[in-house]
Amino acid sequence: MTDDTAAPPPPGPARDWKSSPLVSGLLLGLFSLVSALMLALASDATRGPIAARSAEDLLASLAQVLPETLHDNDPTADIRTLADADEGAVRVYVAARGGAVTAVTFELTGYGYGGAIRVLMAVAADGTILGARVLSHTETPGLGDKIEIGKDDWIEDFAGRSLADPGPAGWKVRRDGGIFDQFSGATITPRAVVGTIHRGLTLFDRHRAELLAPLPPRS
């Protein structure tokens, strides 16, 4: 009687090499390195288009609040950064004619019912609002989204306003004793935008001299 079952091959150097923890670690490291290189290449390939699209979006947003007739410079190139005790670091886009500052544009964030509300506003040299737009938000569709210019003209009521118009008591929604309309079923959202824009005016007032300093001559 014979036994046809082949005996397993004895362990040898090849099997020991494949099961070595050191080899497993090296293979894992190589896989991670290749993955990282691929991600880096993809990031480099998309960085340019993403930056270009961001610049286009910024220009489009500025055009909505900042009249072209007010400047002969590129506000996206003339930038000042405020170090404010209340708002932190704020990037300001400066509009000027002949080096004299005519207006500034900047973004602040308020918080509504659904979360952060990014507000872009342009302020003329005399402290009046040239325009304001909500850049992004997560408010309830059909209620809080009336802060978008594409859904309602509510945001246009801020143009021409200043700290003195309507004055401290008026910078609130009507339910709180102010002059700005609230939305039916969504008071928190317009209240947040009104408060954010008022903060923007006080920010401008605190840094008026710094913001209105003439631009340096072009070389």
Protein backbone atom coordinates (compact mmCIF):
# COMPACT_ATOMS: atom_id res chain seq x y z
CA MET A 1 0.00 0.00 0.00
CA THR A 2 1.38 3.37 -1.08
CA ASP A 3 0.64 6.88 0.15
CA ASP A 4 0.00 9.17 -2.85
CA THR A 5 -0.41 12.30 -0.73
CA ALA A 6 2.54 14.57 -1.27
CA ALA A 7 4.18 15.83 1.85
CA PRO A 8 4.30 19.62 2.20
CA PRO A 9 7.60 21.11 1.19
CA PRO A 10 9.85 21.86 4.06
CA PRO A 11 10.13 25.50 5.01
CA GLY A 12 12.87 27.21 3.11
CA PRO A 13 14.43 30.63 2.64
CA ALA A 14 11.81 31.69 0.04
CA ARG A 15 8.87 31.05 2.39
CA ASP A 16 10.66 32.68 5.29
CA TRP A 17 11.38 35.77 3.13
CA LYS A 18 7.72 36.19 2.10
CA SER A 19 6.42 35.90 5.64
CA SER A 20 9.02 38.20 7.15
CA PRO A 21 7.53 41.18 9.06
CA LEU A 22 10.32 43.33 7.65
CA VAL A 23 9.29 42.55 4.07
CA SER A 24 5.62 43.22 4.86
CA GLY A 25 6.58 46.57 6.31
CA LEU A 26 8.68 47.46 3.27
CA LEU A 27 5.86 46.56 0.89
CA LEU A 28 3.40 48.64 2.90
CA GLY A 29 5.81 51.56 2.90
CA LEU A 30 6.31 51.28 -0.85
CA PHE A 31 2.55 51.24 -1.42
CA SER A 32 2.13 54.32 0.77
CA LEU A 33 4.92 56.13 -1.07
CA VAL A 34 3.41 55.41 -4.49
CA SER A 35 -0.03 56.55 -3.26
CA ALA A 36 1.44 59.77 -1.86
CA LEU A 37 3.25 60.50 -5.13
CA MET A 38 0.06 59.96 -7.12
CA LEU A 39 -1.88 62.30 -4.82
CA ALA A 40 0.87 64.93 -5.09
CA LEU A 41 0.82 64.76 -8.88
CA ALA A 42 -2.97 65.05 -8.93
CA SER A 43 -2.81 68.03 -6.56
CA ASP A 44 -0.24 69.80 -8.75
CA ALA A 45 -2.34 69.16 -11.84
CA THR A 46 -5.50 70.67 -10.31
CA ARG A 47 -3.97 73.50 -8.27
CA GLY A 48 -3.77 75.87 -11.23
CA PRO A 49 -7.37 75.43 -12.44
CA ILE A 50 -8.69 75.65 -8.88
CA ALA A 51 -6.78 78.89 -8.24
CA ALA A 52 -8.01 80.33 -11.54
CA ARG A 53 -11.61 79.46 -10.72
CA SER A 54 -11.28 80.99 -7.24
CA ALA A 55 -9.93 84.20 -8.76
CA GLU A 56 -12.84 84.31 -11.23
CA ASP A 57 -15.36 83.77 -8.43
CA LEU A 58 -13.76 86.55 -6.37
CA LEU A 59 -13.87 89.00 -9.26
CA ALA A 60 -17.50 88.15 -9.96
CA SER A 61 -18.42 88.68 -6.30
CA LEU A 62 -16.56 91.99 -6.09
CA ALA A 63 -18.27 93.21 -9.25
CA GLN A 64 -21.65 92.79 -7.56
CA VAL A 65 -20.85 95.14 -4.68
CA LEU A 66 -18.09 97.41 -6.00
CA PRO A 67 -18.84 99.71 -8.97
CA GLU A 68 -16.10 99.70 -11.60
CA THR A 69 -16.32 103.47 -11.89
CA LEU A 70 -14.85 103.83 -8.41
CA HIS A 71 -11.42 102.42 -9.19
CA ASP A 72 -8.68 102.30 -11.78
CA ASN A 73 -6.66 99.66 -9.92
CA ASP A 74 -7.12 95.93 -9.39
CA PRO A 75 -8.64 95.52 -5.91
CA THR A 76 -7.63 91.85 -5.85
CA ALA A 77 -3.99 92.94 -6.13
CA ASP A 78 -4.15 95.78 -3.58
CA ILE A 79 -4.86 93.96 -0.35
CA ARG A 80 -4.57 95.07 3.23
CA THR A 81 -4.92 92.75 6.20
CA LEU A 82 -6.45 94.16 9.34
CA ALA A 83 -5.48 92.82 12.74
CA ASP A 84 -8.66 93.50 14.68
CA ALA A 85 -9.20 92.64 18.32
CA ASP A 86 -12.80 91.55 17.70
CA GLU A 87 -12.76 90.11 14.19
CA GLY A 88 -9.21 88.77 14.02
CA ALA A 89 -7.32 88.95 10.72
CA VAL A 90 -9.50 90.41 7.97
CA ARG A 91 -8.38 90.57 4.33
CA VAL A 92 -9.47 93.81 2.68
CA TYR A 93 -9.57 94.49 -1.06
CA VAL A 94 -8.79 98.14 -1.71
CA ALA A 95 -10.36 100.15 -4.54
CA ALA A 96 -8.63 103.36 -5.55
CA ARG A 97 -8.43 106.03 -8.24
CA GLY A 98 -5.11 107.74 -8.78
CA GLY A 99 -3.84 106.14 -5.59
CA ALA A 100 -6.62 107.62 -3.43
CA VAL A 101 -8.73 104.96 -1.75
CA THR A 102 -12.38 105.21 -2.76
CA ALA A 103 -13.78 102.03 -1.19
CA VAL A 104 -12.86 98.79 0.52
CA THR A 105 -14.39 95.34 0.30
CA PHE A 106 -14.11 92.54 2.83
CA GLU A 107 -15.83 89.42 4.09
CA LEU A 108 -17.18 88.65 7.56
CA THR A 109 -18.97 85.57 8.88
CA GLY A 110 -22.14 85.50 10.94
CA TYR A 111 -24.08 82.53 12.29
CA GLY A 112 -27.71 81.90 11.49
CA TYR A 113 -30.09 79.03 12.17
CA GLY A 114 -28.21 76.58 9.95
CA GLY A 115 -24.65 77.65 10.61
CA ALA A 116 -22.10 80.02 9.10
CA ILE A 117 -23.20 82.82 6.76
CA ARG A 118 -20.39 84.43 4.74
CA VAL A 119 -21.13 88.05 3.87
CA LEU A 120 -19.18 90.19 1.42
CA MET A 121 -19.62 93.94 1.72
CA ALA A 122 -18.16 97.03 0.08
CA VAL A 123 -17.88 100.28 2.02
CA ALA A 124 -17.22 103.66 0.42
CA ALA A 125 -14.62 106.05 1.82
CA ASP A 126 -17.37 108.06 3.54
CA GLY A 127 -18.55 104.98 5.46
CA THR A 128 -21.66 104.15 3.44
CA ILE A 129 -22.36 100.66 2.16
CA LEU A 130 -22.03 100.28 -1.58
CA GLY A 131 -23.41 96.76 -1.60
CA ALA A 132 -23.57 93.47 0.26
CA ARG A 133 -23.94 89.87 -0.84
CA VAL A 134 -24.20 86.53 0.93
CA LEU A 135 -21.49 84.29 -0.49
CA SER A 136 -22.52 81.06 1.19
CA HIS A 137 -24.87 79.73 3.86
CA THR A 138 -26.68 76.60 5.04
CA GLU A 139 -30.01 78.16 5.95
CA THR A 140 -33.35 76.44 5.33
CA PRO A 141 -34.41 76.47 1.66
CA GLY A 142 -37.62 78.43 1.12
CA LEU A 143 -37.20 80.33 4.39
CA GLY A 144 -33.72 81.53 5.26
CA ASP A 145 -32.39 81.45 1.72
CA LYS A 146 -34.09 84.78 0.96
CA ILE A 147 -30.80 86.35 2.00
CA GLU A 148 -29.50 85.30 -1.45
CA ILE A 149 -29.81 87.94 -4.15
CA GLY A 150 -30.97 85.21 -6.53
CA LYS A 151 -33.97 84.44 -4.30
CA ASP A 152 -34.98 87.87 -3.02
CA ASP A 153 -33.91 91.54 -3.18
CA TRP A 154 -33.85 91.81 0.64
CA ILE A 155 -30.06 92.19 0.75
CA GLU A 156 -30.21 95.29 -1.44
CA ASP A 157 -31.74 97.31 1.40
CA PHE A 158 -28.26 97.70 2.90
CA ALA A 159 -26.90 99.77 0.02
CA GLY A 160 -26.54 103.39 1.08
CA ARG A 161 -26.75 102.57 4.79
CA SER A 162 -24.14 103.65 7.33
CA LEU A 163 -23.60 103.60 11.08
CA ALA A 164 -25.64 106.82 11.29
CA ASP A 165 -28.37 105.55 8.96
CA PRO A 166 -30.41 104.12 10.61
CA GLY A 167 -28.38 104.60 13.82
CA PRO A 168 -27.61 102.08 16.59
CA ALA A 169 -31.24 101.37 17.50
CA GLY A 170 -32.22 100.75 13.88
CA TRP A 171 -29.56 98.15 13.09
CA LYS A 172 -31.87 95.27 13.96
CA VAL A 173 -34.76 93.41 12.39
CA ARG A 174 -38.21 94.86 12.99
CA ARG A 175 -39.10 92.22 15.56
CA ASP A 176 -36.18 93.50 17.67
CA GLY A 177 -37.11 97.16 17.20
CA GLY A 178 -35.01 97.87 14.11
CA ILE A 179 -35.86 98.79 10.53
CA PHE A 180 -34.90 95.67 8.58
CA ASP A 181 -37.50 93.14 7.54
CA GLN A 182 -37.41 89.62 8.89
CA PHE A 183 -38.71 86.56 7.05
CA SER A 184 -41.85 84.75 8.06
CA GLY A 185 -40.72 81.75 10.08
CA ALA A 186 -37.03 82.63 9.80
CA THR A 187 -36.12 85.59 11.98
CA ILE A 188 -32.75 84.18 13.07
CA THR A 189 -31.31 84.26 9.56
CA PRO A 190 -31.90 87.95 8.69
CA ARG A 191 -30.96 88.90 12.25
CA ALA A 192 -27.57 87.25 11.69
CA VAL A 193 -26.99 89.08 8.41
CA VAL A 194 -28.02 92.47 9.83
CA GLY A 195 -25.67 91.93 12.77
CA THR A 196 -22.81 90.87 10.52
CA ILE A 197 -23.12 93.89 8.24
CA HIS A 198 -23.31 96.21 11.23
CA ARG A 199 -20.13 94.58 12.55
CA GLY A 200 -18.54 95.33 9.18
CA LEU A 201 -19.37 99.02 9.47
CA THR A 202 -17.94 99.22 12.98
CA LEU A 203 -14.82 97.40 11.75
CA PHE A 204 -14.40 100.00 9.00
CA ASP A 205 -14.89 102.80 11.50
CA ARG A 206 -12.26 101.41 13.87
CA HIS A 207 -9.66 101.15 11.10
CA ARG A 208 -10.74 104.08 8.92
CA ALA A 209 -7.35 105.82 8.88
CA GLU A 210 -5.49 102.61 8.09
CA LEU A 211 -7.91 101.57 5.36
CA LEU A 212 -8.05 104.97 3.66
CA ALA A 213 -4.29 105.56 3.59
CA PRO A 214 -3.25 106.25 -0.04
CA LEU A 215 -1.81 103.39 -2.03
CA PRO A 216 1.95 103.56 -2.60
CA PRO A 217 3.00 104.83 -6.04
CA ARG A 218 3.47 102.21 -8.71
CA SER A 219 7.09 101.71 -9.67
